[in-house]
């Protein structure tokens, strides 16, 4: 088999349930599909839940097709939270949010949020 993310060959024992299924992922790339959670406490007992899927930005485009179901599960789990998908465009507006609410951030790649959360108001 070839991994559908990194295209490297790997061994996979095919069975009847795998017929017409072409979305195989190697054991190395499987770790990129597991969301990592970073919890950031903010004032008044609220928290920011920051989920990201990989540290390797070169895999970003190929990962997008594999993680939609995991994103839906995160959204359903955090129904009482504001859910934002972070990228280089929305990251610029993060500092304007009212951080007196529970916020869930989801990103395909890890983005360092420390400089936004701990800077003084201008």
N, C-alpha and C. Protein backbone atom coordinates (compact mmCIF):
# COMPACT_ATOMS: atom_id res chain seq x y z
N UNK A 1 0.83 -1.19 0.00
CA UNK A 1 0.00 0.00 0.00
C UNK A 1 0.88 1.25 0.00
N UNK A 2 0.28 2.32 -0.42
CA UNK A 2 0.91 3.63 -0.31
C UNK A 2 0.05 4.48 0.62
N UNK A 3 0.73 5.18 1.50
CA UNK A 3 0.03 6.06 2.43
C UNK A 3 -0.63 7.20 1.65
N UNK A 4 -1.88 7.48 1.97
CA UNK A 4 -2.59 8.55 1.26
C UNK A 4 -2.18 9.94 1.72
N UNK A 5 -1.35 10.04 2.76
CA UNK A 5 -0.87 11.34 3.22
C UNK A 5 0.56 11.59 2.74
N UNK A 6 1.48 10.66 3.03
CA UNK A 6 2.89 10.89 2.70
C UNK A 6 3.36 10.13 1.46
N UNK A 7 2.55 9.25 0.92
CA UNK A 7 2.84 8.46 -0.28
C UNK A 7 3.96 7.44 -0.11
N UNK A 8 4.36 7.17 1.10
CA UNK A 8 5.39 6.15 1.32
C UNK A 8 4.73 4.77 1.32
N UNK A 9 5.42 3.76 0.78
CA UNK A 9 4.85 2.41 0.81
C UNK A 9 4.90 1.81 2.23
N UNK A 10 3.90 1.03 2.58
CA UNK A 10 3.87 0.33 3.85
C UNK A 10 3.06 -0.95 3.68
N UNK A 11 3.27 -1.87 4.58
CA UNK A 11 2.57 -3.15 4.51
C UNK A 11 1.23 -3.05 5.20
N UNK A 12 0.20 -3.56 4.53
CA UNK A 12 -1.14 -3.60 5.10
C UNK A 12 -1.79 -4.91 4.66
N UNK A 13 -2.30 -5.66 5.59
CA UNK A 13 -2.93 -6.94 5.28
C UNK A 13 -4.38 -6.68 4.88
N UNK A 14 -4.67 -6.79 3.58
CA UNK A 14 -6.01 -6.50 3.07
C UNK A 14 -6.99 -7.59 3.47
N UNK A 15 -8.21 -7.18 3.70
CA UNK A 15 -9.28 -8.12 3.98
C UNK A 15 -10.50 -7.74 3.13
N UNK A 16 -11.56 -8.50 3.27
CA UNK A 16 -12.75 -8.25 2.48
C UNK A 16 -13.35 -6.88 2.77
N UNK A 17 -13.27 -6.43 4.02
CA UNK A 17 -13.84 -5.12 4.39
C UNK A 17 -13.11 -3.95 3.73
N UNK A 18 -11.90 -4.19 3.22
CA UNK A 18 -11.11 -3.13 2.60
C UNK A 18 -11.33 -2.98 1.10
N UNK A 19 -12.23 -3.78 0.54
CA UNK A 19 -12.49 -3.67 -0.89
C UNK A 19 -13.05 -2.29 -1.23
N UNK A 20 -12.53 -1.69 -2.26
CA UNK A 20 -12.94 -0.37 -2.74
C UNK A 20 -12.66 0.75 -1.74
N UNK A 21 -11.76 0.49 -0.81
CA UNK A 21 -11.34 1.51 0.14
C UNK A 21 -9.89 1.85 -0.19
N UNK A 22 -9.62 3.12 -0.45
CA UNK A 22 -8.29 3.52 -0.92
C UNK A 22 -7.64 4.56 -0.03
N UNK A 23 -8.18 4.75 1.14
CA UNK A 23 -7.71 5.81 2.02
C UNK A 23 -6.84 5.26 3.14
N UNK A 24 -5.80 4.56 2.81
CA UNK A 24 -4.95 3.93 3.81
C UNK A 24 -3.90 4.91 4.32
N UNK A 25 -3.65 4.87 5.62
CA UNK A 25 -2.70 5.78 6.25
C UNK A 25 -1.69 4.94 7.02
N UNK A 26 -0.41 5.26 6.85
CA UNK A 26 0.65 4.51 7.53
C UNK A 26 0.67 4.85 9.03
N UNK A 27 1.41 4.04 9.79
CA UNK A 27 1.44 4.25 11.24
C UNK A 27 2.12 5.56 11.62
N UNK A 28 3.04 6.04 10.80
CA UNK A 28 3.72 7.32 11.10
C UNK A 28 2.75 8.48 10.93
N UNK A 29 1.95 8.47 9.87
CA UNK A 29 1.02 9.57 9.61
C UNK A 29 -0.23 9.50 10.49
N UNK A 30 -0.51 8.34 11.05
CA UNK A 30 -1.68 8.22 11.93
C UNK A 30 -1.57 9.15 13.13
N UNK A 31 -0.36 9.40 13.61
CA UNK A 31 -0.20 10.29 14.77
C UNK A 31 -0.58 11.73 14.43
N UNK A 32 -0.53 12.10 13.15
CA UNK A 32 -0.94 13.46 12.76
C UNK A 32 -2.46 13.61 12.75
N UNK A 33 -3.19 12.51 12.70
CA UNK A 33 -4.65 12.55 12.64
C UNK A 33 -5.29 12.61 14.01
N UNK A 34 -4.51 12.45 15.05
CA UNK A 34 -5.03 12.51 16.42
C UNK A 34 -4.92 13.96 16.91
N UNK A 35 -6.04 14.58 17.27
CA UNK A 35 -5.95 15.97 17.72
C UNK A 35 -5.22 16.10 19.04
N UNK A 36 -4.36 17.11 19.13
CA UNK A 36 -3.67 17.41 20.37
C UNK A 36 -4.42 18.55 21.05
N UNK A 37 -4.58 18.46 22.35
CA UNK A 37 -5.34 19.46 23.10
C UNK A 37 -4.42 20.27 23.98
N UNK A 38 -4.54 21.57 23.90
CA UNK A 38 -3.84 22.50 24.77
C UNK A 38 -4.91 23.34 25.46
N UNK A 39 -4.98 23.28 26.78
CA UNK A 39 -5.95 24.04 27.54
C UNK A 39 -5.26 25.25 28.15
N UNK A 40 -5.81 26.43 27.86
CA UNK A 40 -5.22 27.68 28.33
C UNK A 40 -6.19 28.35 29.29
N UNK A 41 -5.87 28.42 30.59
CA UNK A 41 -6.77 29.10 31.53
C UNK A 41 -6.67 30.62 31.33
N UNK A 42 -7.82 31.26 31.37
CA UNK A 42 -7.86 32.73 31.25
C UNK A 42 -8.64 33.27 32.45
N UNK A 43 -8.86 34.54 32.51
CA UNK A 43 -9.50 35.18 33.66
C UNK A 43 -10.91 34.66 33.92
N UNK A 44 -11.36 34.82 35.18
CA UNK A 44 -12.72 34.52 35.63
C UNK A 44 -13.07 33.03 35.48
N UNK A 45 -12.09 32.15 35.48
CA UNK A 45 -12.35 30.72 35.43
C UNK A 45 -12.65 30.16 34.06
N UNK A 46 -12.57 30.98 33.03
CA UNK A 46 -12.82 30.49 31.67
C UNK A 46 -11.56 29.89 31.08
N UNK A 47 -11.75 29.10 30.03
CA UNK A 47 -10.61 28.44 29.40
C UNK A 47 -10.73 28.52 27.89
N UNK A 48 -9.57 28.46 27.26
CA UNK A 48 -9.51 28.30 25.81
C UNK A 48 -9.05 26.87 25.56
N UNK A 49 -9.81 26.14 24.75
CA UNK A 49 -9.44 24.80 24.35
C UNK A 49 -8.87 24.89 22.94
N UNK A 50 -7.63 24.54 22.80
CA UNK A 50 -6.95 24.68 21.51
C UNK A 50 -6.60 23.29 20.98
N UNK A 51 -7.29 22.86 19.95
CA UNK A 51 -7.03 21.58 19.30
C UNK A 51 -6.22 21.83 18.03
N UNK A 52 -5.16 21.08 17.86
CA UNK A 52 -4.42 21.14 16.60
C UNK A 52 -4.03 19.72 16.22
N UNK A 53 -3.77 19.52 14.94
CA UNK A 53 -3.60 18.17 14.43
C UNK A 53 -2.18 17.80 14.07
N UNK A 54 -1.33 18.74 13.79
CA UNK A 54 0.03 18.37 13.39
C UNK A 54 1.00 19.51 13.68
N UNK A 55 2.27 19.16 13.74
CA UNK A 55 3.33 20.16 13.81
C UNK A 55 4.04 20.30 12.47
N UNK A 56 3.71 19.44 11.53
CA UNK A 56 4.37 19.42 10.23
C UNK A 56 3.50 20.14 9.21
N UNK A 57 3.83 21.38 8.91
CA UNK A 57 3.00 22.18 8.01
C UNK A 57 3.05 21.71 6.56
N UNK A 58 4.02 20.87 6.21
CA UNK A 58 4.08 20.38 4.83
C UNK A 58 2.97 19.38 4.54
N UNK A 59 2.39 18.79 5.57
CA UNK A 59 1.31 17.83 5.38
C UNK A 59 -0.07 18.47 5.47
N UNK A 60 -0.13 19.74 5.66
CA UNK A 60 -1.40 20.43 5.93
C UNK A 60 -2.46 20.13 4.88
N UNK A 61 -2.15 20.28 3.63
CA UNK A 61 -3.14 20.10 2.57
C UNK A 61 -3.65 18.66 2.50
N UNK A 62 -2.76 17.69 2.66
CA UNK A 62 -3.16 16.29 2.59
C UNK A 62 -3.94 15.85 3.83
N UNK A 63 -3.69 16.49 4.96
CA UNK A 63 -4.40 16.13 6.18
C UNK A 63 -5.85 16.61 6.18
N UNK A 64 -6.12 17.70 5.51
CA UNK A 64 -7.45 18.29 5.54
C UNK A 64 -8.53 17.30 5.14
N UNK A 65 -8.23 16.41 4.23
CA UNK A 65 -9.24 15.47 3.76
C UNK A 65 -9.51 14.35 4.76
N UNK A 66 -8.65 14.19 5.74
CA UNK A 66 -8.76 13.07 6.67
C UNK A 66 -9.31 13.44 8.03
N UNK A 67 -9.40 14.71 8.36
CA UNK A 67 -9.72 15.08 9.75
C UNK A 67 -11.09 15.72 9.93
N UNK A 68 -11.90 15.78 8.89
CA UNK A 68 -13.20 16.43 9.04
C UNK A 68 -14.08 15.75 10.08
N UNK A 69 -14.11 14.43 10.12
CA UNK A 69 -14.93 13.73 11.11
C UNK A 69 -14.45 14.03 12.53
N UNK A 70 -13.15 14.13 12.72
CA UNK A 70 -12.63 14.44 14.04
C UNK A 70 -12.99 15.86 14.45
N UNK A 71 -13.02 16.78 13.49
CA UNK A 71 -13.41 18.16 13.79
C UNK A 71 -14.88 18.23 14.20
N UNK A 72 -15.72 17.47 13.52
CA UNK A 72 -17.14 17.45 13.86
C UNK A 72 -17.34 16.94 15.28
N UNK A 73 -16.58 15.92 15.68
CA UNK A 73 -16.69 15.40 17.05
C UNK A 73 -16.26 16.45 18.07
N UNK A 74 -15.23 17.21 17.76
CA UNK A 74 -14.79 18.28 18.67
C UNK A 74 -15.88 19.34 18.81
N UNK A 75 -16.49 19.72 17.70
CA UNK A 75 -17.55 20.74 17.72
C UNK A 75 -18.74 20.25 18.54
N UNK A 76 -19.14 19.00 18.35
CA UNK A 76 -20.27 18.46 19.11
C UNK A 76 -19.95 18.36 20.60
N UNK A 77 -18.70 18.09 20.93
CA UNK A 77 -18.29 17.98 22.33
C UNK A 77 -18.30 19.35 23.01
N UNK A 78 -18.03 20.40 22.28
CA UNK A 78 -17.93 21.77 22.81
C UNK A 78 -19.10 22.63 22.36
N UNK A 79 -20.31 22.12 22.48
CA UNK A 79 -21.50 22.85 22.02
C UNK A 79 -21.70 24.19 22.72
N UNK A 80 -21.28 24.30 23.98
CA UNK A 80 -21.48 25.53 24.74
C UNK A 80 -20.32 26.51 24.59
N UNK A 81 -19.45 26.23 23.66
CA UNK A 81 -18.25 27.05 23.48
C UNK A 81 -18.32 27.73 22.11
N UNK A 82 -17.61 28.83 21.98
CA UNK A 82 -17.45 29.45 20.67
C UNK A 82 -16.34 28.69 19.95
N UNK A 83 -16.62 28.22 18.73
CA UNK A 83 -15.64 27.42 17.98
C UNK A 83 -15.09 28.27 16.84
N UNK A 84 -13.77 28.40 16.80
CA UNK A 84 -13.10 29.14 15.73
C UNK A 84 -12.06 28.25 15.07
N UNK A 85 -11.99 28.32 13.76
CA UNK A 85 -10.97 27.60 13.02
C UNK A 85 -9.84 28.58 12.75
N UNK A 86 -8.66 28.26 13.25
CA UNK A 86 -7.52 29.18 13.12
C UNK A 86 -6.75 28.91 11.85
N UNK A 87 -6.41 29.97 11.19
CA UNK A 87 -5.45 29.95 10.09
C UNK A 87 -4.72 31.29 10.12
N UNK A 88 -3.91 31.55 9.15
CA UNK A 88 -3.13 32.78 9.18
C UNK A 88 -3.99 34.04 9.05
N UNK A 89 -5.24 33.90 8.57
CA UNK A 89 -6.12 35.06 8.41
C UNK A 89 -6.91 35.35 9.69
N UNK A 90 -7.47 34.32 10.30
CA UNK A 90 -8.26 34.54 11.52
C UNK A 90 -7.39 34.78 12.74
N UNK A 91 -6.15 34.35 12.71
CA UNK A 91 -5.24 34.55 13.84
C UNK A 91 -5.04 36.03 14.14
N UNK A 92 -5.08 36.86 13.14
CA UNK A 92 -4.89 38.30 13.32
C UNK A 92 -6.01 38.94 14.14
N UNK A 93 -7.21 38.37 14.09
CA UNK A 93 -8.36 38.94 14.77
C UNK A 93 -8.61 38.33 16.15
N UNK A 94 -7.80 37.36 16.53
CA UNK A 94 -8.00 36.68 17.81
C UNK A 94 -7.86 37.62 19.00
N UNK A 95 -6.99 38.61 18.89
CA UNK A 95 -6.76 39.51 20.02
C UNK A 95 -7.96 40.44 20.29
N UNK A 96 -8.91 40.50 19.38
CA UNK A 96 -10.08 41.36 19.57
C UNK A 96 -11.25 40.63 20.23
N UNK A 97 -11.09 39.34 20.52
CA UNK A 97 -12.17 38.59 21.15
C UNK A 97 -12.29 38.95 22.62
N UNK A 98 -13.49 38.83 23.13
CA UNK A 98 -13.74 39.00 24.54
C UNK A 98 -13.40 37.67 25.22
N UNK A 99 -12.33 37.63 25.98
CA UNK A 99 -11.88 36.39 26.57
C UNK A 99 -12.59 36.09 27.89
N UNK A 100 -13.82 36.52 28.04
CA UNK A 100 -14.62 36.19 29.20
C UNK A 100 -15.70 35.20 28.80
N UNK A 101 -15.29 34.17 28.03
CA UNK A 101 -16.19 33.12 27.57
C UNK A 101 -15.33 31.91 27.22
N UNK A 102 -15.95 30.74 27.16
CA UNK A 102 -15.23 29.55 26.74
C UNK A 102 -15.09 29.56 25.23
N UNK A 103 -13.88 29.35 24.77
CA UNK A 103 -13.57 29.40 23.35
C UNK A 103 -12.85 28.11 22.96
N UNK A 104 -13.24 27.53 21.85
CA UNK A 104 -12.55 26.37 21.31
C UNK A 104 -11.92 26.77 19.99
N UNK A 105 -10.61 26.58 19.90
CA UNK A 105 -9.87 26.90 18.69
C UNK A 105 -9.44 25.59 18.04
N UNK A 106 -9.59 25.51 16.73
CA UNK A 106 -9.18 24.32 15.99
C UNK A 106 -8.25 24.76 14.87
N UNK A 107 -7.15 24.04 14.72
CA UNK A 107 -6.18 24.39 13.68
C UNK A 107 -5.58 23.12 13.09
N UNK A 108 -5.25 23.19 11.82
CA UNK A 108 -4.58 22.07 11.15
C UNK A 108 -3.12 22.01 11.58
N UNK A 109 -2.53 23.14 11.86
CA UNK A 109 -1.13 23.19 12.30
C UNK A 109 -1.07 23.93 13.63
N UNK A 110 -0.01 23.69 14.39
CA UNK A 110 0.16 24.38 15.67
C UNK A 110 0.55 25.83 15.42
N UNK A 111 -0.17 26.74 16.05
CA UNK A 111 0.15 28.17 15.99
C UNK A 111 0.40 28.64 17.41
N UNK A 112 1.47 29.37 17.62
CA UNK A 112 1.82 29.85 18.95
C UNK A 112 0.89 31.01 19.32
N UNK A 113 0.08 30.82 20.35
CA UNK A 113 -0.90 31.83 20.75
C UNK A 113 -0.44 32.67 21.92
N UNK A 114 0.69 32.37 22.48
CA UNK A 114 1.12 33.03 23.70
C UNK A 114 1.28 34.54 23.51
N UNK A 115 1.78 34.97 22.37
CA UNK A 115 1.99 36.41 22.18
C UNK A 115 0.67 37.16 22.06
N UNK A 116 -0.42 36.49 21.70
CA UNK A 116 -1.72 37.15 21.61
C UNK A 116 -2.42 37.21 22.96
N UNK A 117 -2.24 36.19 23.76
CA UNK A 117 -3.02 36.09 24.99
C UNK A 117 -2.42 36.89 26.14
N UNK A 118 -1.14 37.16 26.10
CA UNK A 118 -0.50 37.78 27.24
C UNK A 118 0.10 39.14 26.92
N UNK A 119 -0.38 39.78 25.88
CA UNK A 119 0.10 41.13 25.58
C UNK A 119 -0.84 42.14 26.21
N UNK A 120 -0.34 43.31 26.48
CA UNK A 120 -1.16 44.37 27.08
C UNK A 120 -2.03 45.01 26.02
N UNK A 121 -3.16 45.52 26.44
CA UNK A 121 -4.06 46.23 25.54
C UNK A 121 -3.40 47.50 25.01
N UNK A 122 -3.64 47.76 23.73
CA UNK A 122 -3.06 48.97 23.14
C UNK A 122 -4.01 50.12 23.22
